Amino acid sequence: MQSDPAIDQQLTTLRDYLRWAVSQFSAAGVYYGHGTDNALDEALRLLLPTLGIPEGSERELLDGTLTFTERRQVIAVIEKRTKDRIPVPYITGEAWFAGMPYKVNPSVLIPRSPIAELIDAGFEPWLQLPMVTNILDLCTGSGCIGIACSHYFEEAMIDLADISTDALGVAQENIERYELQHRVNAIDSDLFSGLQGKQYDLIVSNPPYVDREDLLSMPAEYQHEPALALGSGDDGLDLTRKILQQAADYLTEEGVLVVEVGNSGIALEQAFPSVPFTWVEFERGGHGVFVFNRSELISHREKFNQGL
């Protein structure tokens, strides 16, 4: 997109630039999928942080005149979104998950998991312990799932595990943002390798699960996300297979495993046709999340080990 050099003379208010952003996004055919599903919400998520306007207060400020410096800032981020196809959270440095903001950068996947709905429900009816004391967020990325869990399970100790040291750095910043250092820990671990001897009441994971074909055909916006956090072999299930094989050893007697595999759920059922997967139904949208308790994982361990 080449902007008119006089655009900052023609457009003056926040309302003007929101309208212009919507038209630019539509004309450029940007892809929505990192926290919004339409041009207006995308424009709000981009422009409000850029201008330092708290979300929800824009109505009172729509007709306020922007300074020339602010106008140039807004034009620059709109161009970055449309021309370079950079997702909004990477431009603003912030993404929302389960009603909470998190720092993000290109070292981590942008939060968008339907698991947020499960957290809001306390993982009921699957997790029925009177007290949840230990939780693992496996393949944590920004740490958003585990940190959101910490606000629901206020007494639980929580580990955020990831193989990426850069991702763990982001997760640590989010831990400190919410002052949770006393009970949330970021751990360098290739799946369970760094967690020997630990057991959890809840293991929740959004691992890489995109298959090779889908990875190559994803919209340009997704190419800015770390490939390590997206792809997982030809069928997208390399890491999920390992999780299914090993998770029972890290669960307490009544512990529960929750894993998101998205569109690779079909391939998962085909890989283990004799295993009855329990798939979560979401009211707010989303799919591809399964649940097992420890006894179920043990009963199917041989099938998981043999890939049957």
C-alpha atoms as a PDB file:
ATOM      1  CA  MET A   1       0.000   0.000   0.000  1.00  0.00           C
ATOM      2  CA  GLN A   2       1.303   3.421  -0.945  1.00  0.00           C
ATOM      3  CA  SER A   3      -0.272   6.104   1.217  1.00  0.00           C
ATOM      4  CA  ASP A   4      -1.163   9.527  -0.073  1.00  0.00           C
ATOM      5  CA  PRO A   5       1.518  11.900   1.263  1.00  0.00           C
ATOM      6  CA  ALA A   6      -1.277  14.347   2.143  1.00  0.00           C
ATOM      7  CA  ILE A   7      -3.341  11.802   4.094  1.00  0.00           C
ATOM      8  CA  ASP A   8      -2.312  13.332   7.409  1.00  0.00           C
ATOM      9  CA  GLN A   9      -3.767  16.620   6.178  1.00  0.00           C
ATOM     10  CA  GLN A  10      -7.046  15.093   5.032  1.00  0.00           C
ATOM     11  CA  LEU A  11      -7.772  12.914   8.082  1.00  0.00           C
ATOM     12  CA  THR A  12      -7.707  14.504  11.518  1.00  0.00           C
ATOM     13  CA  THR A  13      -9.696  12.549  14.108  1.00  0.00           C
ATOM     14  CA  LEU A  14      -9.580   9.065  15.589  1.00  0.00           C
ATOM     15  CA  ARG A  15     -12.883   8.377  13.859  1.00  0.00           C
ATOM     16  CA  ASP A  16     -11.289   9.336  10.512  1.00  0.00           C
ATOM     17  CA  TYR A  17      -8.357   6.991  10.985  1.00  0.00           C
ATOM     18  CA  LEU A  18     -10.475   4.089  12.194  1.00  0.00           C
ATOM     19  CA  ARG A  19     -12.639   4.445   9.109  1.00  0.00           C
ATOM     20  CA  TRP A  20      -9.558   4.692   6.880  1.00  0.00           C
ATOM     21  CA  ALA A  21      -7.943   1.666   8.513  1.00  0.00           C
ATOM     22  CA  VAL A  22     -11.080  -0.387   7.890  1.00  0.00           C
ATOM     23  CA  SER A  23     -11.086   0.536   4.208  1.00  0.00           C
ATOM     24  CA  GLN A  24      -7.355  -0.148   3.861  1.00  0.00           C
ATOM     25  CA  PHE A  25      -7.648  -3.555   5.516  1.00  0.00           C
ATOM     26  CA  SER A  26     -10.556  -4.473   3.288  1.00  0.00           C
ATOM     27  CA  ALA A  27      -8.814  -3.293   0.114  1.00  0.00           C
ATOM     28  CA  ALA A  28      -5.610  -5.149   1.000  1.00  0.00           C
ATOM     29  CA  GLY A  29      -7.429  -8.353   1.900  1.00  0.00           C
ATOM     30  CA  VAL A  30      -5.677  -8.794   5.242  1.00  0.00           C
ATOM     31  CA  TYR A  31      -6.425 -12.007   7.117  1.00  0.00           C
ATOM     32  CA  TYR A  32      -8.103 -11.835  10.534  1.00  0.00           C
ATOM     33  CA  GLY A  33      -7.454 -14.580  13.022  1.00  0.00           C
ATOM     34  CA  HIS A  34      -5.188 -13.263  15.756  1.00  0.00           C
ATOM     35  CA  GLY A  35      -7.807 -12.046  18.190  1.00  0.00           C
ATOM     36  CA  THR A  36     -10.331 -10.452  15.834  1.00  0.00           C
ATOM     37  CA  ASP A  37     -12.554 -11.547  12.968  1.00  0.00           C
ATOM     38  CA  ASN A  38     -13.429  -8.254  11.264  1.00  0.00           C
ATOM     39  CA  ALA A  39     -11.840  -5.039  10.031  1.00  0.00           C
ATOM     40  CA  LEU A  40     -13.262  -2.673  12.660  1.00  0.00           C
ATOM     41  CA  ASP A  41     -12.156  -4.725  15.659  1.00  0.00           C
ATOM     42  CA  GLU A  42      -8.769  -5.145  13.974  1.00  0.00           C
ATOM     43  CA  ALA A  43      -8.488  -1.372  13.560  1.00  0.00           C
ATOM     44  CA  LEU A  44      -9.424  -0.749  17.191  1.00  0.00           C
ATOM     45  CA  ARG A  45      -6.890  -3.307  18.452  1.00  0.00           C
ATOM     46  CA  LEU A  46      -4.208  -1.613  16.361  1.00  0.00           C
ATOM     47  CA  LEU A  47      -4.935   2.082  16.799  1.00  0.00           C
ATOM     48  CA  LEU A  48      -5.913   2.319  20.463  1.00  0.00           C
ATOM     49  CA  PRO A  49      -2.606   0.962  21.860  1.00  0.00           C
ATOM     50  CA  THR A  50      -0.660   2.964  19.294  1.00  0.00           C
ATOM     51  CA  LEU A  51      -2.282   6.147  20.610  1.00  0.00           C
ATOM     52  CA  GLY A  52      -2.231   5.081  24.262  1.00  0.00           C
ATOM     53  CA  ILE A  53      -6.017   5.067  24.493  1.00  0.00           C
ATOM     54  CA  PRO A  54      -7.447   2.516  26.977  1.00  0.00           C
ATOM     55  CA  GLU A  55      -9.780   0.005  25.378  1.00  0.00           C
ATOM     56  CA  GLY A  56     -13.392   0.946  26.071  1.00  0.00           C
ATOM     57  CA  SER A  57     -12.806   4.678  26.285  1.00  0.00           C
ATOM     58  CA  GLU A  58     -12.620   5.329  22.552  1.00  0.00           C
ATOM     59  CA  ARG A  59     -16.242   6.494  22.253  1.00  0.00           C
ATOM     60  CA  GLU A  60     -15.493   9.666  24.197  1.00  0.00           C
ATOM     61  CA  LEU A  61     -12.425  10.358  22.057  1.00  0.00           C
ATOM     62  CA  LEU A  62     -13.590   9.496  18.533  1.00  0.00           C
ATOM     63  CA  ASP A  63     -13.823  13.094  17.405  1.00  0.00           C
ATOM     64  CA  GLY A  64     -10.690  14.363  19.119  1.00  0.00           C
ATOM     65  CA  THR A  65      -8.098  15.786  16.727  1.00  0.00           C
ATOM     66  CA  LEU A  66      -4.856  13.811  16.521  1.00  0.00           C
ATOM     67  CA  THR A  67      -1.546  15.630  16.469  1.00  0.00           C
ATOM     68  CA  PHE A  68       0.553  15.345  13.326  1.00  0.00           C
ATOM     69  CA  THR A  69       2.943  13.045  15.186  1.00  0.00           C
ATOM     70  CA  GLU A  70       0.045  10.795  16.173  1.00  0.00           C
ATOM     71  CA  ARG A  71      -1.299  10.801  12.621  1.00  0.00           C
ATOM     72  CA  ARG A  72       2.053   9.700  11.224  1.00  0.00           C
ATOM     73  CA  GLN A  73       2.287   6.952  13.855  1.00  0.00           C
ATOM     74  CA  VAL A  74      -1.161   5.676  12.922  1.00  0.00           C
ATOM     75  CA  ILE A  75      -0.419   5.775   9.203  1.00  0.00           C
ATOM     76  CA  ALA A  76       2.819   3.840   9.784  1.00  0.00           C
ATOM     77  CA  VAL A  77       1.187   1.001  11.724  1.00  0.00           C
ATOM     78  CA  ILE A  78      -1.676   0.717   9.247  1.00  0.00           C
ATOM     79  CA  GLU A  79       0.870   0.395   6.454  1.00  0.00           C
ATOM     80  CA  LYS A  80       2.805  -2.192   8.447  1.00  0.00           C
ATOM     81  CA  ARG A  81      -0.359  -4.234   8.914  1.00  0.00           C
ATOM     82  CA  THR A  82      -1.452  -4.066   5.283  1.00  0.00           C
ATOM     83  CA  LYS A  83       1.845  -4.095   3.383  1.00  0.00           C
ATOM     84  CA  ASP A  84       3.935  -6.417   5.567  1.00  0.00           C
ATOM     85  CA  ARG A  85       1.003  -8.505   6.832  1.00  0.00           C
ATOM     86  CA  ILE A  86       2.366  -8.359  10.395  1.00  0.00           C
ATOM     87  CA  PRO A  87      -0.325  -9.432  12.899  1.00  0.00           C
ATOM     88  CA  VAL A  88      -1.597  -6.642  15.136  1.00  0.00           C
ATOM     89  CA  PRO A  89      -0.306  -8.175  18.423  1.00  0.00           C
ATOM     90  CA  TYR A  90       3.257  -8.177  17.061  1.00  0.00           C
ATOM     91  CA  ILE A  91       2.910  -4.509  16.119  1.00  0.00           C
ATOM     92  CA  THR A  92       1.476  -3.422  19.480  1.00  0.00           C
ATOM     93  CA  GLY A  93       3.427  -5.985  21.544  1.00  0.00           C
ATOM     94  CA  GLU A  94       0.281  -7.129  23.328  1.00  0.00           C
ATOM     95  CA  ALA A  95      -2.406  -9.799  22.925  1.00  0.00           C
ATOM     96  CA  TRP A  96      -5.493 -10.646  24.956  1.00  0.00           C
ATOM     97  CA  PHE A  97      -6.376 -14.091  26.273  1.00  0.00           C
ATOM     98  CA  ALA A  98      -9.138 -15.042  28.733  1.00  0.00           C
ATOM     99  CA  GLY A  99      -9.823 -11.360  29.315  1.00  0.00           C
ATOM    100  CA  MET A 100      -6.225 -10.531  30.237  1.00  0.00           C
ATOM    101  CA  PRO A 101      -3.457  -8.734  28.280  1.00  0.00           C
ATOM    102  CA  TYR A 102      -0.100 -10.419  27.684  1.00  0.00           C
ATOM    103  CA  LYS A 103       3.172  -9.314  26.208  1.00  0.00           C
ATOM    104  CA  VAL A 104       3.933 -11.057  22.917  1.00  0.00           C
ATOM    105  CA  ASN A 105       6.612 -10.848  20.255  1.00  0.00           C
ATOM    106  CA  PRO A 106       7.582 -13.044  17.274  1.00  0.00           C
ATOM    107  CA  SER A 107       9.242 -15.531  19.651  1.00  0.00           C
ATOM    108  CA  VAL A 108       5.820 -16.779  20.760  1.00  0.00           C
ATOM    109  CA  LEU A 109       2.548 -17.828  19.210  1.00  0.00           C
ATOM    110  CA  ILE A 110      -0.185 -15.197  19.432  1.00  0.00           C
ATOM    111  CA  PRO A 111      -2.763 -16.447  22.001  1.00  0.00           C
ATOM    112  CA  ARG A 112      -6.061 -17.562  20.493  1.00  0.00           C
ATOM    113  CA  SER A 113      -6.861 -20.940  22.050  1.00  0.00           C
ATOM    114  CA  PRO A 114     -10.464 -21.967  22.861  1.00  0.00           C
ATOM    115  CA  ILE A 115      -8.997 -23.394  26.082  1.00  0.00           C
ATOM    116  CA  ALA A 116      -9.780 -19.950  27.525  1.00  0.00           C
ATOM    117  CA  GLU A 117     -13.402 -21.054  27.784  1.00  0.00           C
ATOM    118  CA  LEU A 118     -12.365 -24.147  29.737  1.00  0.00           C
ATOM    119  CA  ILE A 119     -10.348 -22.028  32.139  1.00  0.00           C
ATOM    120  CA  ASP A 120     -13.368 -19.811  32.767  1.00  0.00           C
ATOM    121  CA  ALA A 121     -15.327 -22.971  33.662  1.00  0.00           C
ATOM    122  CA  GLY A 122     -12.602 -24.358  35.934  1.00  0.00           C
ATOM    123  CA  PHE A 123     -12.204 -27.278  33.499  1.00  0.00           C
ATOM    124  CA  GLU A 124     -15.509 -28.701  34.675  1.00  0.00           C
ATOM    125  CA  PRO A 125     -16.886 -31.313  34.409  1.00  0.00           C
ATOM    126  CA  TRP A 126     -13.604 -33.099  33.706  1.00  0.00           C
ATOM    127  CA  LEU A 127     -11.557 -31.754  36.602  1.00  0.00           C
ATOM    128  CA  GLN A 128     -13.416 -32.547  39.815  1.00  0.00           C
ATOM    129  CA  LEU A 129     -10.764 -32.303  42.508  1.00  0.00           C
ATOM    130  CA  PRO A 130     -11.768 -30.322  45.617  1.00  0.00           C
ATOM    131  CA  MET A 131      -8.366 -28.623  45.558  1.00  0.00           C
ATOM    132  CA  VAL A 132      -6.041 -28.217  42.574  1.00  0.00           C
ATOM    133  CA  THR A 133      -2.506 -27.802  43.853  1.00  0.00           C
ATOM    134  CA  ASN A 134      -0.233 -28.237  40.813  1.00  0.00           C
ATOM    135  CA  ILE A 135      -0.772 -27.301  37.158  1.00  0.00           C
ATOM    136  CA  LEU A 136       1.480 -27.665  34.114  1.00  0.00           C
ATOM    137  CA  ASP A 137       1.153 -25.504  31.010  1.00  0.00           C
ATOM    138  CA  LEU A 138       3.145 -27.580  28.499  1.00  0.00           C
ATOM    139  CA  CYS A 139       4.511 -25.820  25.384  1.00  0.00           C
ATOM    140  CA  THR A 140       3.605 -22.586  27.124  1.00  0.00           C
ATOM    141  CA  GLY A 141       4.834 -19.924  24.687  1.00  0.00           C
ATOM    142  CA  SER A 142       3.828 -16.586  26.212  1.00  0.00           C
ATOM    143  CA  GLY A 143       2.594 -18.334  29.357  1.00  0.00           C
ATOM    144  CA  CYS A 144      -0.972 -17.133  28.813  1.00  0.00           C
ATOM    145  CA  ILE A 145      -2.730 -20.442  29.520  1.00  0.00           C
ATOM    146  CA  GLY A 146      -0.884 -21.135  32.752  1.00  0.00           C
ATOM    147  CA  ILE A 147      -1.133 -17.555  33.982  1.00  0.00           C
ATOM    148  CA  ALA A 148      -4.858 -17.472  33.218  1.00  0.00           C
ATOM    149  CA  CYS A 149      -5.185 -20.727  35.189  1.00  0.00           C
ATOM    150  CA  SER A 150      -3.432 -19.048  38.117  1.00  0.00           C
ATOM    151  CA  HIS A 151      -6.236 -16.510  38.349  1.00  0.00           C
ATOM    152  CA  TYR A 152      -8.875 -19.232  38.518  1.00  0.00           C
ATOM    153  CA  PHE A 153      -6.972 -21.682  40.728  1.00  0.00           C
ATOM    154  CA  GLU A 154      -5.685 -19.148  43.218  1.00  0.00           C
ATOM    155  CA  GLU A 155      -3.847 -21.636  45.457  1.00  0.00           C
ATOM    156  CA  ALA A 156      -2.188 -23.721  42.749  1.00  0.00           C
ATOM    157  CA  MET A 157       1.529 -23.837  41.951  1.00  0.00           C
ATOM    158  CA  ILE A 158       1.982 -23.601  38.189  1.00  0.00           C
ATOM    159  CA  ASP A 159       4.839 -24.575  35.875  1.00  0.00           C
ATOM    160  CA  LEU A 160       5.191 -23.065  32.420  1.00  0.00           C
ATOM    161  CA  ALA A 161       7.336 -25.384  30.284  1.00  0.00           C
ATOM    162  CA  ASP A 162       8.803 -24.735  26.836  1.00  0.00           C
ATOM    163  CA  ILE A 163      11.819 -25.739  24.747  1.00  0.00           C
ATOM    164  CA  SER A 164      12.323 -22.170  23.476  1.00  0.00           C
ATOM    165  CA  THR A 165      14.448 -19.977  25.726  1.00  0.00           C
ATOM    166  CA  ASP A 166      13.174 -16.895  23.894  1.00  0.00           C
ATOM    167  CA  ALA A 167       9.579 -17.916  24.576  1.00  0.00           C
ATOM    168  CA  LEU A 168      10.396 -18.535  28.230  1.00  0.00           C
ATOM    169  CA  GLY A 169      11.789 -15.015  28.425  1.00  0.00           C
ATOM    170  CA  VAL A 170       8.438 -13.661  27.288  1.00  0.00           C
ATOM    171  CA  ALA A 171       6.607 -15.967  29.699  1.00  0.00           C
ATOM    172  CA  GLN A 172       8.792 -14.710  32.567  1.00  0.00           C
ATOM    173  CA  GLU A 173       7.927 -11.112  31.706  1.00  0.00           C
ATOM    174  CA  ASN A 174       4.241 -12.003  31.844  1.00  0.00           C
ATOM    175  CA  ILE A 175       4.735 -13.765  35.190  1.00  0.00           C
ATOM    176  CA  GLU A 176       6.317 -10.614  36.561  1.00  0.00           C
ATOM    177  CA  ARG A 177       3.645  -8.414  35.007  1.00  0.00           C
ATOM    178  CA  TYR A 178       1.049 -10.155  37.165  1.00  0.00           C
ATOM    179  CA  GLU A 179       3.408 -10.499  40.170  1.00  0.00           C
ATOM    180  CA  LEU A 180       3.106 -14.291  40.239  1.00  0.00           C
ATOM    181  CA  GLN A 181       6.746 -15.176  40.853  1.00  0.00           C
ATOM    182  CA  HIS A 182       5.819 -16.810  44.156  1.00  0.00           C
ATOM    183  CA  ARG A 183       3.794 -19.580  42.511  1.00  0.00           C
ATOM    184  CA  VAL A 184       4.327 -19.564  38.717  1.00  0.00           C
ATOM    185  CA  ASN A 185       7.642 -20.829  37.333  1.00  0.00           C
ATOM    186  CA  ALA A 186       9.029 -20.839  33.780  1.00  0.00           C
ATOM    187  CA  ILE A 187      10.953 -24.058  33.084  1.00  0.00           C
ATOM    188  CA  ASP A 188      13.215 -24.964  30.157  1.00  0.00           C
ATOM    189  CA  SER A 189      11.930 -28.386  29.118  1.00  0.00           C
ATOM    190  CA  ASP A 190      11.610 -30.392  25.903  1.00  0.00           C
ATOM    191  CA  LEU A 191       8.105 -31.676  26.666  1.00  0.00           C
ATOM    192  CA  PHE A 192       8.522 -33.580  29.969  1.00  0.00           C
ATOM    193  CA  SER A 193      12.333 -33.939  29.893  1.00  0.00           C
ATOM    194  CA  GLY A 194      12.925 -31.172  32.447  1.00  0.00           C
ATOM    195  CA  LEU A 195      10.068 -32.187  34.749  1.00  0.00           C
ATOM    196  CA  GLN A 196      11.306 -35.464  36.193  1.00  0.00           C
ATOM    197  CA  GLY A 197       9.686 -36.369  39.515  1.00  0.00           C
ATOM    198  CA  LYS A 198       6.892 -33.807  39.185  1.00  0.00           C
ATOM    199  CA  GLN A 199       3.178 -34.616  39.164  1.00  0.00           C
ATOM    200  CA  TYR A 200       0.241 -32.400  38.347  1.00  0.00           C
ATOM    201  CA  ASP A 201      -3.501 -32.338  38.950  1.00  0.00           C
ATOM    202  CA  LEU A 202      -3.894 -30.687  35.558  1.00  0.00           C
ATOM    203  CA  ILE A 203      -1.708 -30.744  32.468  1.00  0.00           C
ATOM    204  CA  VAL A 204      -2.943 -28.398  29.768  1.00  0.00           C
ATOM    205  CA  SER A 205      -1.171 -28.013  26.447  1.00  0.00           C
ATOM    206  CA  ASN A 206      -1.506 -26.147  23.180  1.00  0.00           C
ATOM    207  CA  PRO A 207       1.431 -27.799  21.392  1.00  0.00           C
ATOM    208  CA  PRO A 208       2.465 -27.298  17.765  1.00  0.00           C
ATOM    209  CA  TYR A 209      -0.085 -29.235  15.702  1.00  0.00           C
ATOM    210  CA  VAL A 210      -0.161 -27.835  12.159  1.00  0.00           C
ATOM    211  CA  ASP A 211       0.517 -30.478   9.501  1.00  0.00           C
ATOM    212  CA  ARG A 212       3.091 -29.908   6.773  1.00  0.00           C
ATOM    213  CA  GLU A 213       0.573 -29.169   4.031  1.00  0.00           C
ATOM    214  CA  ASP A 214      -1.383 -26.625   6.084  1.00  0.00           C
ATOM    215  CA  LEU A 215       1.839 -24.976   7.284  1.00  0.00           C
ATOM    216  CA  LEU A 216       2.850 -24.249   3.695  1.00  0.00           C
ATOM    217  CA  SER A 217      -0.556 -22.868   2.740  1.00  0.00           C
ATOM    218  CA  MET A 218      -1.285 -20.636   5.750  1.00  0.00           C
ATOM    219  CA  PRO A 219      -2.004 -16.901   5.170  1.00  0.00           C
ATOM    220  CA  ALA A 220       0.971 -14.553   5.188  1.00  0.00           C
ATOM    221  CA  GLU A 221       0.123 -13.317   8.695  1.00  0.00           C
ATOM    222  CA  TYR A 222       0.980 -16.727  10.159  1.00  0.00           C
ATOM    223  CA  GLN A 223       4.402 -16.739   8.543  1.00  0.00           C
ATOM    224  CA  HIS A 224       5.475 -14.163  11.136  1.00  0.00           C
ATOM    225  CA  GLU A 225       4.835 -16.641  13.955  1.00  0.00           C
ATOM    226  CA  PRO A 226       7.615 -19.033  15.048  1.00  0.00           C
ATOM    227  CA  ALA A 227       7.568 -22.222  12.943  1.00  0.00           C
ATOM    228  CA  LEU A 228       8.658 -24.112  16.067  1.00  0.00           C
ATOM    229  CA  ALA A 229       5.297 -23.248  17.663  1.00  0.00           C
ATOM    230  CA  LEU A 230       3.192 -24.238  14.659  1.00  0.00           C
ATOM    231  CA  GLY A 231       4.421 -27.285  12.740  1.00  0.00           C
ATOM    232  CA  SER A 232       4.727 -30.810  14.111  1.00  0.00           C
ATOM    233  CA  GLY A 233       5.560 -33.246  11.325  1.00  0.00           C
ATOM    234  CA  ASP A 234       3.679 -34.461   8.290  1.00  0.00           C
ATOM    235  CA  ASP A 235       0.356 -34.925  10.082  1.00  0.00           C
ATOM    236  CA  GLY A 236       0.876 -32.310  12.813  1.00  0.00           C
ATOM    237  CA  LEU A 237       0.937 -34.922  15.576  1.00  0.00           C
ATOM    238  CA  ASP A 238       4.607 -35.607  16.333  1.00  0.00           C
ATOM    239  CA  LEU A 239       4.503 -33.851  19.710  1.00  0.00           C
ATOM    240  CA  THR A 240       0.954 -34.907  20.548  1.00  0.00           C
ATOM    241  CA  ARG A 241       1.938 -38.579  20.230  1.00  0.00           C
ATOM    242  CA  LYS A 242       4.743 -38.053  22.751  1.00  0.00           C
ATOM    243  CA  ILE A 243       2.410 -36.216  25.133  1.00  0.00           C
ATOM    244  CA  LEU A 244      -0.086 -39.090  25.013  1.00  0.00           C
ATOM    245  CA  GLN A 245       2.677 -41.621  25.639  1.00  0.00           C
ATOM    246  CA  GLN A 246       4.222 -39.808  28.610  1.00  0.00           C
ATOM    247  CA  ALA A 247       1.570 -37.659  30.311  1.00  0.00           C
ATOM    248  CA  ALA A 248       0.212 -40.340  32.679  1.00  0.00           C
ATOM    249  CA  ASP A 249       3.576 -40.459  34.477  1.00  0.00           C
ATOM    250  CA  TYR A 250       3.232 -36.771  35.344  1.00  0.00           C
ATOM    251  CA  LEU A 251      -0.391 -36.774  36.507  1.00  0.00           C
ATOM    252  CA  THR A 252      -1.680 -37.320  40.012  1.00  0.00           C
ATOM    253  CA  GLU A 253      -4.135 -40.170  40.618  1.00  0.00           C
ATOM    254  CA  GLU A 254      -7.152 -38.018  39.698  1.00  0.00           C
ATOM    255  CA  GLY A 255      -5.233 -35.810  37.288  1.00  0.00           C
ATOM    256  CA  VAL A 256      -6.502 -34.639  33.899  1.00  0.00           C
ATOM    257  CA  LEU A 257      -4.788 -33.970  30.569  1.00  0.00           C
ATOM    258  CA  VAL A 258      -6.211 -31.325  28.205  1.00  0.00           C
ATOM    259  CA  VAL A 259      -4.628 -30.917  24.755  1.00  0.00           C
ATOM    260  CA  GLU A 260      -5.493 -28.776  21.742  1.00  0.00           C
ATOM    261  CA  VAL A 261      -4.833 -30.216  18.278  1.00  0.00           C
ATOM    262  CA  GLY A 262      -7.164 -28.086  16.150  1.00  0.00           C
ATOM    263  CA  ASN A 263      -7.725 -29.349  12.632  1.00  0.00           C
ATOM    264  CA  SER A 264      -5.345 -32.253  13.272  1.00  0.00           C
ATOM    265  CA  GLY A 265      -8.050 -33.896  15.387  1.00  0.00           C
ATOM    266  CA  ILE A 266      -9.204 -35.862  12.345  1.00  0.00           C
ATOM    267  CA  ALA A 267      -5.698 -37.212  11.770  1.00  0.00           C
ATOM    268  CA  LEU A 268      -5.440 -38.057  15.478  1.00  0.00           C
ATOM    269  CA  GLU A 269      -8.555 -40.216  15.421  1.00  0.00           C
ATOM    270  CA  GLN A 270      -7.298 -41.905  12.260  1.00  0.00           C
ATOM    271  CA  ALA A 271      -3.950 -42.605  13.930  1.00  0.00           C
ATOM    272  CA  PHE A 272      -5.645 -44.196  16.969  1.00  0.00           C
ATOM    273  CA  PRO A 273      -8.947 -45.591  15.646  1.00  0.00           C
ATOM    274  CA  SER A 274      -9.548 -47.821  18.667  1.00  0.00           C
ATOM    275  CA  VAL A 275      -9.087 -45.012  21.215  1.00  0.00           C
ATOM    276  CA  PRO A 276     -12.300 -43.166  22.228  1.00  0.00           C
ATOM    277  CA  PHE A 277     -11.313 -39.513  22.302  1.00  0.00           C
ATOM    278  CA  THR A 278     -13.421 -37.091  24.343  1.00  0.00           C
ATOM    279  CA  TRP A 279     -13.706 -33.818  22.425  1.00  0.00           C
ATOM    280  CA  VAL A 280     -14.728 -30.598  24.163  1.00  0.00           C
ATOM    281  CA  GLU A 281     -17.708 -28.710  22.745  1.00  0.00           C
ATOM    282  CA  PHE A 282     -17.287 -24.943  23.015  1.00  0.00           C
ATOM    283  CA  GLU A 283     -20.050 -22.363  23.246  1.00  0.00           C
ATOM    284  CA  ARG A 284     -17.817 -19.477  22.145  1.00  0.00           C
ATOM    285  CA  GLY A 285     -16.297 -21.190  19.120  1.00  0.00           C
ATOM    286  CA  GLY A 286     -13.289 -23.392  18.588  1.00  0.00           C
ATOM    287  CA  HIS A 287     -12.658 -27.107  18.302  1.00  0.00           C
ATOM    288  CA  GLY A 288      -9.994 -29.783  18.424  1.00  0.00           C
ATOM    289  CA  VAL A 289      -9.449 -30.011  22.200  1.00  0.00           C
ATOM    290  CA  PHE A 290      -9.486 -33.458  23.831  1.00  0.00           C
ATOM    291  CA  VAL A 291      -9.478 -34.587  27.458  1.00  0.00           C
ATOM    292  CA  PHE A 292      -8.142 -37.720  29.174  1.00  0.00           C
ATOM    293  CA  ASN A 293      -7.831 -38.600  32.848  1.00  0.00           C
ATOM    294  CA  ARG A 294      -4.838 -40.540  34.110  1.00  0.00           C
ATOM    295  CA  SER A 295      -6.541 -43.930  34.229  1.00  0.00           C
ATOM    296  CA  GLU A 296      -7.685 -43.563  30.612  1.00  0.00           C
ATOM    297  CA  LEU A 297      -4.180 -42.689  29.481  1.00  0.00           C
ATOM    298  CA  ILE A 298      -2.797 -45.749  31.260  1.00  0.00           C
ATOM    299  CA  SER A 299      -5.441 -48.032  29.777  1.00  0.00           C
ATOM    300  CA  HIS A 300      -4.503 -46.888  26.256  1.00  0.00           C
ATOM    301  CA  ARG A 301      -0.759 -46.606  26.846  1.00  0.00           C
ATOM    302  CA  GLU A 302       0.141 -49.605  24.693  1.00  0.00           C
ATOM    303  CA  LYS A 303      -1.832 -48.216  21.762  1.00  0.00           C
ATOM    304  CA  PHE A 304      -0.202 -44.807  22.166  1.00  0.00           C
ATOM    305  CA  ASN A 305       3.244 -46.400  22.347  1.00  0.00           C
ATOM    306  CA  GLN A 306       2.645 -48.477  19.240  1.00  0.00           C
ATOM    307  CA  GLY A 307       0.783 -45.794  17.325  1.00  0.00           C
ATOM    308  CA  LEU A 308      -2.309 -47.981  16.903  1.00  0.00           C
END
